[in-house]
Amino acid sequence: MRCTEFDDKGNVKTTAGEFLKSELCIQHGILPRDLRTIDTHHVNPKSAILVRSEAILVNLAHIRALIKSDLVVIFDTFGSTNSYNQSIFIYDLQERLRSGNRDSLPYEFRALEAIFISVVSSLQSEVTVLENMVTKLLSDLEDSIQQEKLKDMLQYTKKLSEFYQGVVSTRDAINEVLDQDEDLAAMYLTAKKAGSPRDPSDHEEIELLLEAYLKQTEEVENKAATLISHMKSTEEIVQIMLDTNRNALLLFELKLTVATMSVGTGALIASMLGMNLRNYMENDPFAFGIVSAATLCTVGLTLAGALRKVKVLSKPYC
């Protein structure tokens, strides 16, 4: 596994160093199964915060980290495209780790705070971008429904769903730690190393820290849920409009068929009278007018009756 290490002063100890999993387990007192949580070969594993006797393992958004009382290990994420966020995070992490004399928080909490700030900022930026894209798309769909816009809506729906699942996973990871008093107390690694571990009920600092970023994560979650709701509502409206247009086309096709049938009735009469058979009407001066009028009346009555029936049948769907 490739990772970068920071010492207790915030200085880079190792850059992109290659370590075997067995070496990491022995060096940091963790189990092989713990490393699966931060396995960098999985681009989107489940978010988690694991508290162990000597370390805290964090997998949130674009960050995979192992935190100790005097060391932070940042694992390179395989396939990650968040290089900008990673760079900003590394800079902020170093600044916070170097502020030990000015900050009352212990080393491990400063590292955690840098991680939470980076994760929440990344989520907020992403939801803002998605919000702008979705708002513009929904506005365009109000003007006209085009195939390209429908394809965009499908893509945005998938992006929103994936993003929402990631936010929920982050929220659940924080909530899971907050629900365990023993884990909260065990996160005081500096105090434990100094020989004065915290009581399971004495964890106010870390609890406040986690709750602050949990609240911000929930705000992002609510915003994403609202966008998904708007997308679903728009999809339903678009589906109704498409169904209406389809029904209108079917109705037009049915009316055209009825009209063709009515004209066919007149053609039937004309073909019957046009046969080379004597019908004793050839010499009657009024025969042509009478037959023409009767044919037109028959066609008209057939068409009117059929259209009336179509109107009655189609009324519930219009």
C-alpha atoms as a PDB file:
ATOM      1  CA  MET A   1       0.000   0.000   0.000  1.00  0.00           C
ATOM      2  CA  ARG A   2       1.287   3.444  -0.935  1.00  0.00           C
ATOM      3  CA  CYS A   3       1.035   6.172   1.678  1.00  0.00           C
ATOM      4  CA  THR A   4       2.465   9.449   2.998  1.00  0.00           C
ATOM      5  CA  GLU A   5       3.409   9.874   6.662  1.00  0.00           C
ATOM      6  CA  PHE A   6       3.408  13.035   8.785  1.00  0.00           C
ATOM      7  CA  ASP A   7       5.248  13.256  12.103  1.00  0.00           C
ATOM      8  CA  ASP A   8       4.165  14.970  15.313  1.00  0.00           C
ATOM      9  CA  LYS A   9       5.365  18.353  13.977  1.00  0.00           C
ATOM     10  CA  GLY A  10       3.374  18.100  10.765  1.00  0.00           C
ATOM     11  CA  ASN A  11       6.456  17.468   8.641  1.00  0.00           C
ATOM     12  CA  VAL A  12       6.419  14.881   5.885  1.00  0.00           C
ATOM     13  CA  LYS A  13       8.186  11.781   7.134  1.00  0.00           C
ATOM     14  CA  THR A  14       7.628   9.536   4.116  1.00  0.00           C
ATOM     15  CA  THR A  15       6.304  10.492   0.674  1.00  0.00           C
ATOM     16  CA  ALA A  16       4.459   7.891  -1.407  1.00  0.00           C
ATOM     17  CA  GLY A  17       6.160   5.087   0.483  1.00  0.00           C
ATOM     18  CA  GLU A  18       5.320   1.474  -0.326  1.00  0.00           C
ATOM     19  CA  PHE A  19       4.404  -0.701   2.660  1.00  0.00           C
ATOM     20  CA  LEU A  20       3.204  -4.266   2.956  1.00  0.00           C
ATOM     21  CA  LYS A  21      -0.052  -4.765   4.811  1.00  0.00           C
ATOM     22  CA  SER A  22       1.697  -7.035   7.280  1.00  0.00           C
ATOM     23  CA  GLU A  23       4.229  -4.280   8.027  1.00  0.00           C
ATOM     24  CA  LEU A  24       1.478  -1.746   8.641  1.00  0.00           C
ATOM     25  CA  CYS A  25      -0.373  -4.125  10.957  1.00  0.00           C
ATOM     26  CA  ILE A  26       2.718  -4.806  13.074  1.00  0.00           C
ATOM     27  CA  GLN A  27       3.875  -1.188  13.120  1.00  0.00           C
ATOM     28  CA  HIS A  28       0.535   0.337  14.103  1.00  0.00           C
ATOM     29  CA  GLY A  29      -1.047  -2.439  16.154  1.00  0.00           C
ATOM     30  CA  ILE A  30      -4.005  -3.119  13.877  1.00  0.00           C
ATOM     31  CA  LEU A  31      -5.495  -6.233  12.292  1.00  0.00           C
ATOM     32  CA  PRO A  32      -5.480  -7.117   8.572  1.00  0.00           C
ATOM     33  CA  ARG A  33      -9.264  -6.816   8.457  1.00  0.00           C
ATOM     34  CA  ASP A  34      -8.952  -3.224   9.676  1.00  0.00           C
ATOM     35  CA  LEU A  35      -6.929  -2.371   6.580  1.00  0.00           C
ATOM     36  CA  ARG A  36      -9.797  -3.479   4.360  1.00  0.00           C
ATOM     37  CA  THR A  37     -11.590  -0.359   5.537  1.00  0.00           C
ATOM     38  CA  ILE A  38      -8.944   1.835   3.923  1.00  0.00           C
ATOM     39  CA  ASP A  39      -8.011  -0.443   1.034  1.00  0.00           C
ATOM     40  CA  THR A  40      -6.947   2.013  -1.661  1.00  0.00           C
ATOM     41  CA  HIS A  41      -7.750  -0.401  -4.500  1.00  0.00           C
ATOM     42  CA  HIS A  42     -11.459   0.095  -3.862  1.00  0.00           C
ATOM     43  CA  VAL A  43     -12.494   3.504  -5.178  1.00  0.00           C
ATOM     44  CA  ASN A  44     -15.777   3.686  -3.278  1.00  0.00           C
ATOM     45  CA  PRO A  45     -15.701   1.395  -0.247  1.00  0.00           C
ATOM     46  CA  LYS A  46     -18.109   1.979   2.596  1.00  0.00           C
ATOM     47  CA  SER A  47     -17.309   4.994   4.762  1.00  0.00           C
ATOM     48  CA  ALA A  48     -16.074   4.106   8.233  1.00  0.00           C
ATOM     49  CA  ILE A  49     -14.304   5.407  11.328  1.00  0.00           C
ATOM     50  CA  LEU A  50     -12.649   2.590  13.266  1.00  0.00           C
ATOM     51  CA  VAL A  51     -11.227   3.200  16.732  1.00  0.00           C
ATOM     52  CA  ARG A  52      -8.467   0.859  17.850  1.00  0.00           C
ATOM     53  CA  SER A  53      -6.224   0.806  20.922  1.00  0.00           C
ATOM     54  CA  GLU A  54      -3.371   2.728  19.290  1.00  0.00           C
ATOM     55  CA  ALA A  55      -4.908   4.212  16.158  1.00  0.00           C
ATOM     56  CA  ILE A  56      -7.975   5.642  14.450  1.00  0.00           C
ATOM     57  CA  LEU A  57      -8.682   4.488  10.890  1.00  0.00           C
ATOM     58  CA  VAL A  58     -10.717   6.839   8.719  1.00  0.00           C
ATOM     59  CA  ASN A  59     -12.315   6.229   5.337  1.00  0.00           C
ATOM     60  CA  LEU A  60     -14.448   9.221   4.357  1.00  0.00           C
ATOM     61  CA  ALA A  61     -15.046  10.481   0.819  1.00  0.00           C
ATOM     62  CA  HIS A  62     -11.648  10.982  -0.863  1.00  0.00           C
ATOM     63  CA  ILE A  63      -9.587  10.429   2.306  1.00  0.00           C
ATOM     64  CA  ARG A  64      -8.115   7.192   3.656  1.00  0.00           C
ATOM     65  CA  ALA A  65      -6.082   7.808   6.808  1.00  0.00           C
ATOM     66  CA  LEU A  66      -4.592   6.203   9.888  1.00  0.00           C
ATOM     67  CA  ILE A  67      -4.183   8.507  12.879  1.00  0.00           C
ATOM     68  CA  LYS A  68      -2.014   7.921  15.942  1.00  0.00           C
ATOM     69  CA  SER A  69      -1.048  10.152  18.850  1.00  0.00           C
ATOM     70  CA  ASP A  70       2.075  11.375  17.037  1.00  0.00           C
ATOM     71  CA  LEU A  71       1.704  10.175  13.444  1.00  0.00           C
ATOM     72  CA  VAL A  72      -0.732  10.538  10.538  1.00  0.00           C
ATOM     73  CA  VAL A  73      -0.649   8.173   7.569  1.00  0.00           C
ATOM     74  CA  ILE A  74      -2.514   9.259   4.423  1.00  0.00           C
ATOM     75  CA  PHE A  75      -3.080   6.457   1.914  1.00  0.00           C
ATOM     76  CA  ASP A  76      -3.070   7.200  -1.796  1.00  0.00           C
ATOM     77  CA  THR A  77      -6.521   6.488  -3.211  1.00  0.00           C
ATOM     78  CA  PHE A  78      -6.383   4.242  -6.262  1.00  0.00           C
ATOM     79  CA  GLY A  79      -8.333   5.763  -9.158  1.00  0.00           C
ATOM     80  CA  SER A  80      -9.208   8.969  -7.307  1.00  0.00           C
ATOM     81  CA  THR A  81      -9.820  12.092  -9.434  1.00  0.00           C
ATOM     82  CA  ASN A  82      -9.941  14.396  -6.422  1.00  0.00           C
ATOM     83  CA  SER A  83      -6.336  15.602  -6.669  1.00  0.00           C
ATOM     84  CA  TYR A  84      -7.294  19.225  -6.007  1.00  0.00           C
ATOM     85  CA  ASN A  85      -9.146  18.360  -2.795  1.00  0.00           C
ATOM     86  CA  GLN A  86      -6.271  16.096  -1.771  1.00  0.00           C
ATOM     87  CA  SER A  87      -3.758  18.928  -2.218  1.00  0.00           C
ATOM     88  CA  ILE A  88      -5.852  21.386  -0.205  1.00  0.00           C
ATOM     89  CA  PHE A  89      -6.329  18.753   2.495  1.00  0.00           C
ATOM     90  CA  ILE A  90      -2.600  17.985   2.782  1.00  0.00           C
ATOM     91  CA  TYR A  91      -1.783  21.688   3.150  1.00  0.00           C
ATOM     92  CA  ASP A  92      -4.485  22.230   5.804  1.00  0.00           C
ATOM     93  CA  LEU A  93      -3.464  19.053   7.636  1.00  0.00           C
ATOM     94  CA  GLN A  94       0.149  20.181   7.906  1.00  0.00           C
ATOM     95  CA  GLU A  95      -0.876  23.616   9.176  1.00  0.00           C
ATOM     96  CA  ARG A  96      -3.102  22.115  11.866  1.00  0.00           C
ATOM     97  CA  LEU A  97      -0.528  19.552  12.975  1.00  0.00           C
ATOM     98  CA  ARG A  98       2.053  22.327  13.304  1.00  0.00           C
ATOM     99  CA  SER A  99      -0.264  24.442  15.473  1.00  0.00           C
ATOM    100  CA  GLY A 100       0.198  22.219  18.521  1.00  0.00           C
ATOM    101  CA  ASN A 101       1.426  25.047  20.738  1.00  0.00           C
ATOM    102  CA  ARG A 102      -1.414  27.368  19.711  1.00  0.00           C
ATOM    103  CA  ASP A 103      -4.228  24.813  19.733  1.00  0.00           C
ATOM    104  CA  SER A 104      -5.645  23.139  22.843  1.00  0.00           C
ATOM    105  CA  LEU A 105      -6.811  20.107  20.856  1.00  0.00           C
ATOM    106  CA  PRO A 106      -4.604  17.004  21.000  1.00  0.00           C
ATOM    107  CA  TYR A 107      -2.692  15.870  17.921  1.00  0.00           C
ATOM    108  CA  GLU A 108      -5.207  13.229  16.826  1.00  0.00           C
ATOM    109  CA  PHE A 109      -8.164  15.616  17.061  1.00  0.00           C
ATOM    110  CA  ARG A 110      -6.402  18.219  14.934  1.00  0.00           C
ATOM    111  CA  ALA A 111      -5.850  15.544  12.301  1.00  0.00           C
ATOM    112  CA  LEU A 112      -9.495  14.476  12.508  1.00  0.00           C
ATOM    113  CA  GLU A 113     -10.667  18.069  12.192  1.00  0.00           C
ATOM    114  CA  ALA A 114      -8.588  18.562   9.048  1.00  0.00           C
ATOM    115  CA  ILE A 115     -10.151  15.411   7.592  1.00  0.00           C
ATOM    116  CA  PHE A 116     -13.706  16.471   8.437  1.00  0.00           C
ATOM    117  CA  ILE A 117     -13.170  19.973   7.033  1.00  0.00           C
ATOM    118  CA  SER A 118     -11.883  18.531   3.761  1.00  0.00           C
ATOM    119  CA  VAL A 119     -14.685  15.955   3.511  1.00  0.00           C
ATOM    120  CA  VAL A 120     -17.502  18.383   4.328  1.00  0.00           C
ATOM    121  CA  SER A 121     -16.086  21.084   2.034  1.00  0.00           C
ATOM    122  CA  SER A 122     -15.853  18.558  -0.790  1.00  0.00           C
ATOM    123  CA  LEU A 123     -19.451  17.414  -0.239  1.00  0.00           C
ATOM    124  CA  GLN A 124     -20.723  20.999  -0.071  1.00  0.00           C
ATOM    125  CA  SER A 125     -18.910  21.943  -3.275  1.00  0.00           C
ATOM    126  CA  GLU A 126     -20.216  18.887  -5.085  1.00  0.00           C
ATOM    127  CA  VAL A 127     -23.818  19.391  -4.012  1.00  0.00           C
ATOM    128  CA  THR A 128     -23.625  23.044  -5.103  1.00  0.00           C
ATOM    129  CA  VAL A 129     -22.421  22.008  -8.560  1.00  0.00           C
ATOM    130  CA  LEU A 130     -25.163  19.375  -8.808  1.00  0.00           C
ATOM    131  CA  GLU A 131     -27.761  21.881  -7.635  1.00  0.00           C
ATOM    132  CA  ASN A 132     -26.797  24.362 -10.364  1.00  0.00           C
ATOM    133  CA  MET A 133     -26.844  21.655 -13.040  1.00  0.00           C
ATOM    134  CA  VAL A 134     -30.193  20.253 -11.925  1.00  0.00           C
ATOM    135  CA  THR A 135     -31.808  23.690 -11.566  1.00  0.00           C
ATOM    136  CA  LYS A 136     -30.788  24.650 -15.114  1.00  0.00           C
ATOM    137  CA  LEU A 137     -31.998  21.321 -16.504  1.00  0.00           C
ATOM    138  CA  LEU A 138     -35.392  21.572 -14.801  1.00  0.00           C
ATOM    139  CA  SER A 139     -35.754  25.137 -16.064  1.00  0.00           C
ATOM    140  CA  ASP A 140     -34.999  23.995 -19.628  1.00  0.00           C
ATOM    141  CA  LEU A 141     -37.496  21.137 -19.361  1.00  0.00           C
ATOM    142  CA  GLU A 142     -40.220  23.629 -18.468  1.00  0.00           C
ATOM    143  CA  ASP A 143     -39.705  25.290 -21.864  1.00  0.00           C
ATOM    144  CA  SER A 144     -39.505  22.171 -24.007  1.00  0.00           C
ATOM    145  CA  ILE A 145     -38.988  18.434 -23.733  1.00  0.00           C
ATOM    146  CA  GLN A 146     -36.134  17.274 -25.926  1.00  0.00           C
ATOM    147  CA  GLN A 147     -34.401  13.923 -26.179  1.00  0.00           C
ATOM    148  CA  GLU A 148     -31.004  15.344 -25.190  1.00  0.00           C
ATOM    149  CA  LYS A 149     -32.475  16.924 -22.065  1.00  0.00           C
ATOM    150  CA  LEU A 150     -34.120  13.645 -21.112  1.00  0.00           C
ATOM    151  CA  LYS A 151     -30.742  11.908 -21.435  1.00  0.00           C
ATOM    152  CA  ASP A 152     -29.185  14.604 -19.243  1.00  0.00           C
ATOM    153  CA  MET A 153     -31.929  14.087 -16.680  1.00  0.00           C
ATOM    154  CA  LEU A 154     -31.138  10.366 -16.538  1.00  0.00           C
ATOM    155  CA  GLN A 155     -27.421  11.070 -16.049  1.00  0.00           C
ATOM    156  CA  TYR A 156     -28.061  13.682 -13.353  1.00  0.00           C
ATOM    157  CA  THR A 157     -30.400  11.304 -11.551  1.00  0.00           C
ATOM    158  CA  LYS A 158     -27.649   8.666 -11.437  1.00  0.00           C
ATOM    159  CA  LYS A 159     -25.077  11.214 -10.238  1.00  0.00           C
ATOM    160  CA  LEU A 160     -27.415  12.478  -7.535  1.00  0.00           C
ATOM    161  CA  SER A 161     -28.200   8.953  -6.383  1.00  0.00           C
ATOM    162  CA  GLU A 162     -24.504   8.027  -6.120  1.00  0.00           C
ATOM    163  CA  PHE A 163     -23.689  11.285  -4.346  1.00  0.00           C
ATOM    164  CA  TYR A 164     -26.588  10.856  -1.916  1.00  0.00           C
ATOM    165  CA  GLN A 165     -25.484   7.328  -1.048  1.00  0.00           C
ATOM    166  CA  GLY A 166     -21.974   8.630  -0.349  1.00  0.00           C
ATOM    167  CA  VAL A 167     -23.286  11.372   1.943  1.00  0.00           C
ATOM    168  CA  VAL A 168     -25.511   8.920   3.813  1.00  0.00           C
ATOM    169  CA  SER A 169     -22.555   6.560   4.213  1.00  0.00           C
ATOM    170  CA  THR A 170     -20.467   9.403   5.688  1.00  0.00           C
ATOM    171  CA  ARG A 171     -23.284  10.386   8.034  1.00  0.00           C
ATOM    172  CA  ASP A 172     -23.751   6.797   9.198  1.00  0.00           C
ATOM    173  CA  ALA A 173     -20.014   6.431   9.888  1.00  0.00           C
ATOM    174  CA  ILE A 174     -20.041   9.496  12.157  1.00  0.00           C
ATOM    175  CA  ASN A 175     -23.272   8.428  13.846  1.00  0.00           C
ATOM    176  CA  GLU A 176     -21.901   4.967  14.529  1.00  0.00           C
ATOM    177  CA  VAL A 177     -18.973   6.419  16.482  1.00  0.00           C
ATOM    178  CA  LEU A 178     -21.191   8.891  18.343  1.00  0.00           C
ATOM    179  CA  ASP A 179     -23.375   6.025  19.549  1.00  0.00           C
ATOM    180  CA  GLN A 180     -20.427   4.262  21.229  1.00  0.00           C
ATOM    181  CA  ASP A 181     -19.161   5.924  24.420  1.00  0.00           C
ATOM    182  CA  GLU A 182     -16.227   3.503  24.625  1.00  0.00           C
ATOM    183  CA  ASP A 183     -15.062   4.423  21.118  1.00  0.00           C
ATOM    184  CA  LEU A 184     -15.377   8.137  21.838  1.00  0.00           C
ATOM    185  CA  ALA A 185     -13.254   7.825  24.974  1.00  0.00           C
ATOM    186  CA  ALA A 186     -10.747   5.599  23.167  1.00  0.00           C
ATOM    187  CA  MET A 187     -10.181   8.311  20.557  1.00  0.00           C
ATOM    188  CA  TYR A 188      -8.120  10.258  23.125  1.00  0.00           C
ATOM    189  CA  LEU A 189      -4.905   8.610  21.961  1.00  0.00           C
ATOM    190  CA  THR A 190      -2.570  11.225  23.445  1.00  0.00           C
ATOM    191  CA  ALA A 191      -4.096  10.865  26.904  1.00  0.00           C
ATOM    192  CA  LYS A 192      -3.916   7.078  26.641  1.00  0.00           C
ATOM    193  CA  LYS A 193      -0.251   7.226  25.614  1.00  0.00           C
ATOM    194  CA  ALA A 194       0.477   9.505  28.595  1.00  0.00           C
ATOM    195  CA  GLY A 195      -0.963   6.869  30.922  1.00  0.00           C
ATOM    196  CA  SER A 196      -4.254   8.625  31.719  1.00  0.00           C
ATOM    197  CA  PRO A 197      -6.953   7.082  29.512  1.00  0.00           C
ATOM    198  CA  ARG A 198     -10.353   8.747  29.502  1.00  0.00           C
ATOM    199  CA  ASP A 199     -13.367   7.380  31.323  1.00  0.00           C
ATOM    200  CA  PRO A 200     -16.073   6.094  28.916  1.00  0.00           C
ATOM    201  CA  SER A 201     -18.309   8.994  29.966  1.00  0.00           C
ATOM    202  CA  ASP A 202     -15.609  11.666  29.571  1.00  0.00           C
ATOM    203  CA  HIS A 203     -15.533  12.537  25.870  1.00  0.00           C
ATOM    204  CA  GLU A 204     -17.167  15.947  25.505  1.00  0.00           C
ATOM    205  CA  GLU A 205     -14.510  17.465  23.205  1.00  0.00           C
ATOM    206  CA  ILE A 206     -14.563  14.771  20.548  1.00  0.00           C
ATOM    207  CA  GLU A 207     -18.343  14.444  20.792  1.00  0.00           C
ATOM    208  CA  LEU A 208     -18.799  18.164  20.078  1.00  0.00           C
ATOM    209  CA  LEU A 209     -16.333  17.937  17.208  1.00  0.00           C
ATOM    210  CA  LEU A 210     -18.134  14.996  15.603  1.00  0.00           C
ATOM    211  CA  GLU A 211     -21.588  16.500  16.128  1.00  0.00           C
ATOM    212  CA  ALA A 212     -20.537  19.762  14.472  1.00  0.00           C
ATOM    213  CA  TYR A 213     -19.513  18.003  11.276  1.00  0.00           C
ATOM    214  CA  LEU A 214     -22.411  15.564  11.507  1.00  0.00           C
ATOM    215  CA  LYS A 215     -24.767  18.536  11.366  1.00  0.00           C
ATOM    216  CA  GLN A 216     -23.047  19.910   8.272  1.00  0.00           C
ATOM    217  CA  THR A 217     -23.151  16.480   6.643  1.00  0.00           C
ATOM    218  CA  GLU A 218     -26.879  16.212   7.352  1.00  0.00           C
ATOM    219  CA  GLU A 219     -27.420  19.632   5.764  1.00  0.00           C
ATOM    220  CA  VAL A 220     -25.742  18.380   2.593  1.00  0.00           C
ATOM    221  CA  GLU A 221     -27.829  15.201   2.784  1.00  0.00           C
ATOM    222  CA  ASN A 222     -31.062  17.196   3.061  1.00  0.00           C
ATOM    223  CA  LYS A 223     -30.095  19.365   0.103  1.00  0.00           C
ATOM    224  CA  ALA A 224     -29.300  16.288  -1.990  1.00  0.00           C
ATOM    225  CA  ALA A 225     -32.591  14.654  -0.934  1.00  0.00           C
ATOM    226  CA  THR A 226     -34.466  17.799  -2.006  1.00  0.00           C
ATOM    227  CA  LEU A 227     -32.791  17.740  -5.420  1.00  0.00           C
ATOM    228  CA  ILE A 228     -33.672  14.064  -5.851  1.00  0.00           C
ATOM    229  CA  SER A 229     -37.276  14.838  -4.922  1.00  0.00           C
ATOM    230  CA  HIS A 230     -37.412  17.636  -7.516  1.00  0.00           C
ATOM    231  CA  MET A 231     -35.959  15.323 -10.146  1.00  0.00           C
ATOM    232  CA  LYS A 232     -38.515  12.611  -9.394  1.00  0.00           C
ATOM    233  CA  SER A 233     -41.375  15.116  -9.536  1.00  0.00           C
ATOM    234  CA  THR A 234     -40.123  16.404 -12.877  1.00  0.00           C
ATOM    235  CA  GLU A 235     -39.763  12.850 -14.195  1.00  0.00           C
ATOM    236  CA  GLU A 236     -43.378  12.145 -13.260  1.00  0.00           C
ATOM    237  CA  ILE A 237     -44.573  15.342 -14.956  1.00  0.00           C
ATOM    238  CA  VAL A 238     -42.538  14.590 -18.081  1.00  0.00           C
ATOM    239  CA  GLN A 239     -43.938  11.048 -18.149  1.00  0.00           C
ATOM    240  CA  ILE A 240     -47.491  12.400 -17.904  1.00  0.00           C
ATOM    241  CA  MET A 241     -46.820  14.839 -20.750  1.00  0.00           C
ATOM    242  CA  LEU A 242     -45.324  12.106 -22.915  1.00  0.00           C
ATOM    243  CA  ASP A 243     -48.289   9.832 -22.176  1.00  0.00           C
ATOM    244  CA  THR A 244     -50.663  12.654 -23.115  1.00  0.00           C
ATOM    245  CA  ASN A 245     -48.863  13.238 -26.416  1.00  0.00           C
ATOM    246  CA  ARG A 246     -48.880   9.523 -27.152  1.00  0.00           C
ATOM    247  CA  ASN A 247     -52.607   9.302 -26.435  1.00  0.00           C
ATOM    248  CA  ALA A 248     -53.224  12.301 -28.697  1.00  0.00           C
ATOM    249  CA  LEU A 249     -51.342  10.587 -31.525  1.00  0.00           C
ATOM    250  CA  LEU A 250     -53.285   7.370 -30.989  1.00  0.00           C
ATOM    251  CA  LEU A 251     -56.556   9.316 -31.024  1.00  0.00           C
ATOM    252  CA  PHE A 252     -55.574  11.078 -34.249  1.00  0.00           C
ATOM    253  CA  GLU A 253     -54.674   7.745 -35.818  1.00  0.00           C
ATOM    254  CA  LEU A 254     -58.028   6.318 -34.746  1.00  0.00           C
ATOM    255  CA  LYS A 255     -59.911   9.280 -36.232  1.00  0.00           C
ATOM    256  CA  LEU A 256     -57.977   8.897 -39.470  1.00  0.00           C
ATOM    257  CA  THR A 257     -58.909   5.221 -39.571  1.00  0.00           C
ATOM    258  CA  VAL A 258     -62.581   6.100 -38.998  1.00  0.00           C
ATOM    259  CA  ALA A 259     -62.475   8.670 -41.796  1.00  0.00           C
ATOM    260  CA  THR A 260     -60.908   6.121 -44.136  1.00  0.00           C
ATOM    261  CA  MET A 261     -63.609   3.611 -43.232  1.00  0.00           C
ATOM    262  CA  SER A 262     -66.349   6.153 -43.922  1.00  0.00           C
ATOM    263  CA  VAL A 263     -64.918   7.043 -47.322  1.00  0.00           C
ATOM    264  CA  GLY A 264     -64.654   3.329 -47.992  1.00  0.00           C
ATOM    265  CA  THR A 265     -68.410   3.042 -47.409  1.00  0.00           C
ATOM    266  CA  GLY A 266     -69.011   5.566 -50.194  1.00  0.00           C
ATOM    267  CA  ALA A 267     -66.538   3.766 -52.422  1.00  0.00           C
ATOM    268  CA  LEU A 268     -68.436   0.521 -51.817  1.00  0.00           C
ATOM    269  CA  ILE A 269     -71.687   2.079 -53.022  1.00  0.00           C
ATOM    270  CA  ALA A 270     -69.960   3.585 -56.047  1.00  0.00           C
ATOM    271  CA  SER A 271     -68.351   0.281 -56.954  1.00  0.00           C
ATOM    272  CA  MET A 272     -71.664  -1.554 -56.683  1.00  0.00           C
ATOM    273  CA  LEU A 273     -73.401   0.890 -59.002  1.00  0.00           C
ATOM    274  CA  GLY A 274     -70.433   1.014 -61.335  1.00  0.00           C
ATOM    275  CA  MET A 275     -70.591  -2.672 -62.246  1.00  0.00           C
ATOM    276  CA  ASN A 276     -71.525  -3.557 -65.829  1.00  0.00           C
ATOM    277  CA  LEU A 277     -74.947  -4.811 -64.796  1.00  0.00           C
ATOM    278  CA  ARG A 278     -78.266  -3.356 -65.764  1.00  0.00           C
ATOM    279  CA  ASN A 279     -79.929  -1.570 -62.845  1.00  0.00           C
ATOM    280  CA  TYR A 280     -82.610   0.302 -64.794  1.00  0.00           C
ATOM    281  CA  MET A 281     -81.390   3.693 -63.516  1.00  0.00           C
ATOM    282  CA  GLU A 282     -79.234   4.598 -66.512  1.00  0.00           C
ATOM    283  CA  ASN A 283     -81.943   6.603 -68.265  1.00  0.00           C
ATOM    284  CA  ASP A 284     -83.308   8.367 -65.175  1.00  0.00           C
ATOM    285  CA  PRO A 285     -82.172  12.053 -65.246  1.00  0.00           C
ATOM    286  CA  PHE A 286     -82.276  12.317 -61.441  1.00  0.00           C
ATOM    287  CA  ALA A 287     -80.476   9.029 -60.690  1.00  0.00           C
ATOM    288  CA  PHE A 288     -76.967  10.521 -60.484  1.00  0.00           C
ATOM    289  CA  GLY A 289     -78.021  13.257 -58.067  1.00  0.00           C
ATOM    290  CA  ILE A 290     -80.045  10.913 -55.897  1.00  0.00           C
ATOM    291  CA  VAL A 291     -77.254   8.305 -55.710  1.00  0.00           C
ATOM    292  CA  SER A 292     -74.605  10.958 -55.029  1.00  0.00           C
ATOM    293  CA  ALA A 293     -76.672  12.561 -52.269  1.00  0.00           C
ATOM    294  CA  ALA A 294     -77.445   9.196 -50.711  1.00  0.00           C
ATOM    295  CA  THR A 295     -73.780   8.211 -50.844  1.00  0.00           C
ATOM    296  CA  LEU A 296     -72.649  11.477 -49.235  1.00  0.00           C
ATOM    297  CA  CYS A 297     -75.311  11.132 -46.537  1.00  0.00           C
ATOM    298  CA  THR A 298     -74.230   7.572 -45.845  1.00  0.00           C
ATOM    299  CA  VAL A 299     -70.567   8.606 -45.609  1.00  0.00           C
ATOM    300  CA  GLY A 300     -71.448  11.581 -43.396  1.00  0.00           C
ATOM    301  CA  LEU A 301     -73.653   9.576 -41.044  1.00  0.00           C
ATOM    302  CA  THR A 302     -71.074   6.791 -40.807  1.00  0.00           C
ATOM    303  CA  LEU A 303     -68.301   9.301 -40.056  1.00  0.00           C
ATOM    304  CA  ALA A 304     -70.371  11.238 -37.508  1.00  0.00           C
ATOM    305  CA  GLY A 305     -71.473   8.094 -35.704  1.00  0.00           C
ATOM    306  CA  ALA A 306     -67.968   6.672 -35.577  1.00  0.00           C
ATOM    307  CA  LEU A 307     -66.409   9.949 -34.369  1.00  0.00           C
ATOM    308  CA  ARG A 308     -69.071  10.266 -31.701  1.00  0.00           C
ATOM    309  CA  LYS A 309     -68.274   6.774 -30.477  1.00  0.00           C
ATOM    310  CA  VAL A 310     -64.542   7.581 -30.469  1.00  0.00           C
ATOM    311  CA  LYS A 311     -65.199  10.757 -28.472  1.00  0.00           C
ATOM    312  CA  VAL A 312     -67.225   8.874 -25.868  1.00  0.00           C
ATOM    313  CA  LEU A 313     -64.579   6.178 -25.499  1.00  0.00           C
ATOM    314  CA  SER A 314     -61.657   8.625 -25.354  1.00  0.00           C
ATOM    315  CA  LYS A 315     -63.239  11.111 -22.917  1.00  0.00           C
ATOM    316  CA  PRO A 316     -61.866   9.415 -19.715  1.00  0.00           C
ATOM    317  CA  TYR A 317     -58.314   9.631 -21.111  1.00  0.00           C
ATOM    318  CA  CYS A 318     -58.360  13.213 -22.353  1.00  0.00           C
END
